[in-house]
């Protein structure tokens, strides 16, 4: 499933660590937005990792699940390309 992750992290160090962690699961499409093609187990791993990296009293991370139909209707205006399955997954 396609997961869109957006975040607003106050602390620079936490924000950098989160961005590096998200690169293990997907691709950055905007400064604080990643697209990840994940199965249920990888999604659970992502959520656990995010929980360890942020301060829930100060930071916000949102994970949006998009169904196949929604993913097929993805529209991009300007530069960018739709997400595709990577040849190799790094977890």
C-alpha atoms as a PDB file:
ATOM      1  CA  UNK A   1       0.000   0.000   0.000  1.00  0.00           C
ATOM      2  CA  UNK A   2       1.090   3.576  -0.574  1.00  0.00           C
ATOM      3  CA  UNK A   3       1.770   5.488   2.631  1.00  0.00           C
ATOM      4  CA  UNK A   4       2.265   9.249   2.549  1.00  0.00           C
ATOM      5  CA  UNK A   5       4.221  10.481   5.571  1.00  0.00           C
ATOM      6  CA  UNK A   6       4.284  14.156   6.462  1.00  0.00           C
ATOM      7  CA  UNK A   7       5.981  15.601   9.493  1.00  0.00           C
ATOM      8  CA  UNK A   8       6.571  18.761  11.479  1.00  0.00           C
ATOM      9  CA  UNK A   9       9.414  18.209  13.935  1.00  0.00           C
ATOM     10  CA  UNK A  10      10.553  21.151  16.063  1.00  0.00           C
ATOM     11  CA  UNK A  11      14.074  20.025  16.945  1.00  0.00           C
ATOM     12  CA  UNK A  12      16.684  19.993  14.139  1.00  0.00           C
ATOM     13  CA  UNK A  13      18.437  16.864  15.417  1.00  0.00           C
ATOM     14  CA  UNK A  14      15.190  14.858  15.735  1.00  0.00           C
ATOM     15  CA  UNK A  15      14.027  16.115  12.345  1.00  0.00           C
ATOM     16  CA  UNK A  16      17.278  14.997  10.683  1.00  0.00           C
ATOM     17  CA  UNK A  17      17.130  11.580  12.351  1.00  0.00           C
ATOM     18  CA  UNK A  18      13.518  11.135  11.290  1.00  0.00           C
ATOM     19  CA  UNK A  19      14.275  12.076   7.679  1.00  0.00           C
ATOM     20  CA  UNK A  20      17.147   9.580   7.560  1.00  0.00           C
ATOM     21  CA  UNK A  21      14.902   6.865   8.986  1.00  0.00           C
ATOM     22  CA  UNK A  22      12.150   7.606   6.476  1.00  0.00           C
ATOM     23  CA  UNK A  23      14.643   7.198   3.623  1.00  0.00           C
ATOM     24  CA  UNK A  24      14.878   3.535   4.664  1.00  0.00           C
ATOM     25  CA  UNK A  25      11.177   3.126   3.881  1.00  0.00           C
ATOM     26  CA  UNK A  26      10.468   5.389   0.921  1.00  0.00           C
ATOM     27  CA  UNK A  27      11.343   8.433  -1.145  1.00  0.00           C
ATOM     28  CA  UNK A  28      11.268  12.099  -0.210  1.00  0.00           C
ATOM     29  CA  UNK A  29       8.881  13.948  -2.514  1.00  0.00           C
ATOM     30  CA  UNK A  30       8.899  17.278  -0.680  1.00  0.00           C
ATOM     31  CA  UNK A  31      10.950  18.666   2.178  1.00  0.00           C
ATOM     32  CA  UNK A  32       8.836  17.065   4.900  1.00  0.00           C
ATOM     33  CA  UNK A  33       6.845  14.531   2.862  1.00  0.00           C
ATOM     34  CA  UNK A  34       7.758  10.955   1.955  1.00  0.00           C
ATOM     35  CA  UNK A  35       5.961   8.359  -0.152  1.00  0.00           C
ATOM     36  CA  UNK A  36       6.444   4.748   0.925  1.00  0.00           C
ATOM     37  CA  UNK A  37       5.210   1.534  -0.685  1.00  0.00           C
ATOM     38  CA  UNK A  38       4.882  -0.812   2.287  1.00  0.00           C
ATOM     39  CA  UNK A  39       3.259  -4.034   3.354  1.00  0.00           C
ATOM     40  CA  UNK A  40       1.579  -4.279   6.767  1.00  0.00           C
ATOM     41  CA  UNK A  41       4.730  -5.479   8.553  1.00  0.00           C
ATOM     42  CA  UNK A  42       6.906  -2.700   7.131  1.00  0.00           C
ATOM     43  CA  UNK A  43       4.253  -0.133   8.073  1.00  0.00           C
ATOM     44  CA  UNK A  44       4.289  -1.401  11.648  1.00  0.00           C
ATOM     45  CA  UNK A  45       8.101  -1.179  11.692  1.00  0.00           C
ATOM     46  CA  UNK A  46       7.930   2.368  10.352  1.00  0.00           C
ATOM     47  CA  UNK A  47       5.454   3.437  13.028  1.00  0.00           C
ATOM     48  CA  UNK A  48       7.580   1.944  15.809  1.00  0.00           C
ATOM     49  CA  UNK A  49      10.687   3.661  14.498  1.00  0.00           C
ATOM     50  CA  UNK A  50       8.921   7.019  14.222  1.00  0.00           C
ATOM     51  CA  UNK A  51       7.645   6.717  17.800  1.00  0.00           C
ATOM     52  CA  UNK A  52      11.219   6.248  19.040  1.00  0.00           C
ATOM     53  CA  UNK A  53      12.539   9.270  17.160  1.00  0.00           C
ATOM     54  CA  UNK A  54      10.040  12.020  17.939  1.00  0.00           C
ATOM     55  CA  UNK A  55       8.804  13.875  20.991  1.00  0.00           C
ATOM     56  CA  UNK A  56       5.011  13.397  20.932  1.00  0.00           C
ATOM     57  CA  UNK A  57       4.559  16.539  23.045  1.00  0.00           C
ATOM     58  CA  UNK A  58       6.240  18.750  20.410  1.00  0.00           C
ATOM     59  CA  UNK A  59       6.301  16.924  17.069  1.00  0.00           C
ATOM     60  CA  UNK A  60       3.698  15.753  14.588  1.00  0.00           C
ATOM     61  CA  UNK A  61       3.979  12.882  12.109  1.00  0.00           C
ATOM     62  CA  UNK A  62       1.040  11.882   9.927  1.00  0.00           C
ATOM     63  CA  UNK A  63       0.782   8.631   7.991  1.00  0.00           C
ATOM     64  CA  UNK A  64      -1.858   8.536   5.264  1.00  0.00           C
ATOM     65  CA  UNK A  65      -2.786   5.158   3.778  1.00  0.00           C
ATOM     66  CA  UNK A  66      -3.880   5.288   0.160  1.00  0.00           C
ATOM     67  CA  UNK A  67      -5.796   2.406  -1.366  1.00  0.00           C
ATOM     68  CA  UNK A  68      -4.884   1.056  -4.814  1.00  0.00           C
ATOM     69  CA  UNK A  69      -7.720   2.995  -6.431  1.00  0.00           C
ATOM     70  CA  UNK A  70      -6.607   6.225  -4.766  1.00  0.00           C
ATOM     71  CA  UNK A  71      -3.008   5.543  -5.752  1.00  0.00           C
ATOM     72  CA  UNK A  72      -4.029   4.995  -9.383  1.00  0.00           C
ATOM     73  CA  UNK A  73      -5.710   8.413  -9.373  1.00  0.00           C
ATOM     74  CA  UNK A  74      -2.648  10.235  -8.051  1.00  0.00           C
ATOM     75  CA  UNK A  75      -2.153  13.522  -9.889  1.00  0.00           C
ATOM     76  CA  UNK A  76       1.172  15.351  -9.969  1.00  0.00           C
ATOM     77  CA  UNK A  77       1.332  18.963 -11.067  1.00  0.00           C
ATOM     78  CA  UNK A  78       4.836  20.146 -11.856  1.00  0.00           C
ATOM     79  CA  UNK A  79       7.935  18.037 -11.421  1.00  0.00           C
ATOM     80  CA  UNK A  80       7.832  14.612  -9.855  1.00  0.00           C
ATOM     81  CA  UNK A  81       6.950  11.064 -10.728  1.00  0.00           C
ATOM     82  CA  UNK A  82       4.515   8.568  -9.231  1.00  0.00           C
ATOM     83  CA  UNK A  83       5.856   6.116  -6.667  1.00  0.00           C
ATOM     84  CA  UNK A  84       6.980   2.730  -7.918  1.00  0.00           C
ATOM     85  CA  UNK A  85       8.135  -0.452  -6.229  1.00  0.00           C
ATOM     86  CA  UNK A  86      11.887  -0.303  -5.587  1.00  0.00           C
ATOM     87  CA  UNK A  87      14.024  -3.185  -6.768  1.00  0.00           C
ATOM     88  CA  UNK A  88      15.514  -3.529  -3.287  1.00  0.00           C
ATOM     89  CA  UNK A  89      13.984  -2.846   0.125  1.00  0.00           C
ATOM     90  CA  UNK A  90      16.239  -1.706   2.963  1.00  0.00           C
ATOM     91  CA  UNK A  91      14.848  -2.141   6.483  1.00  0.00           C
END
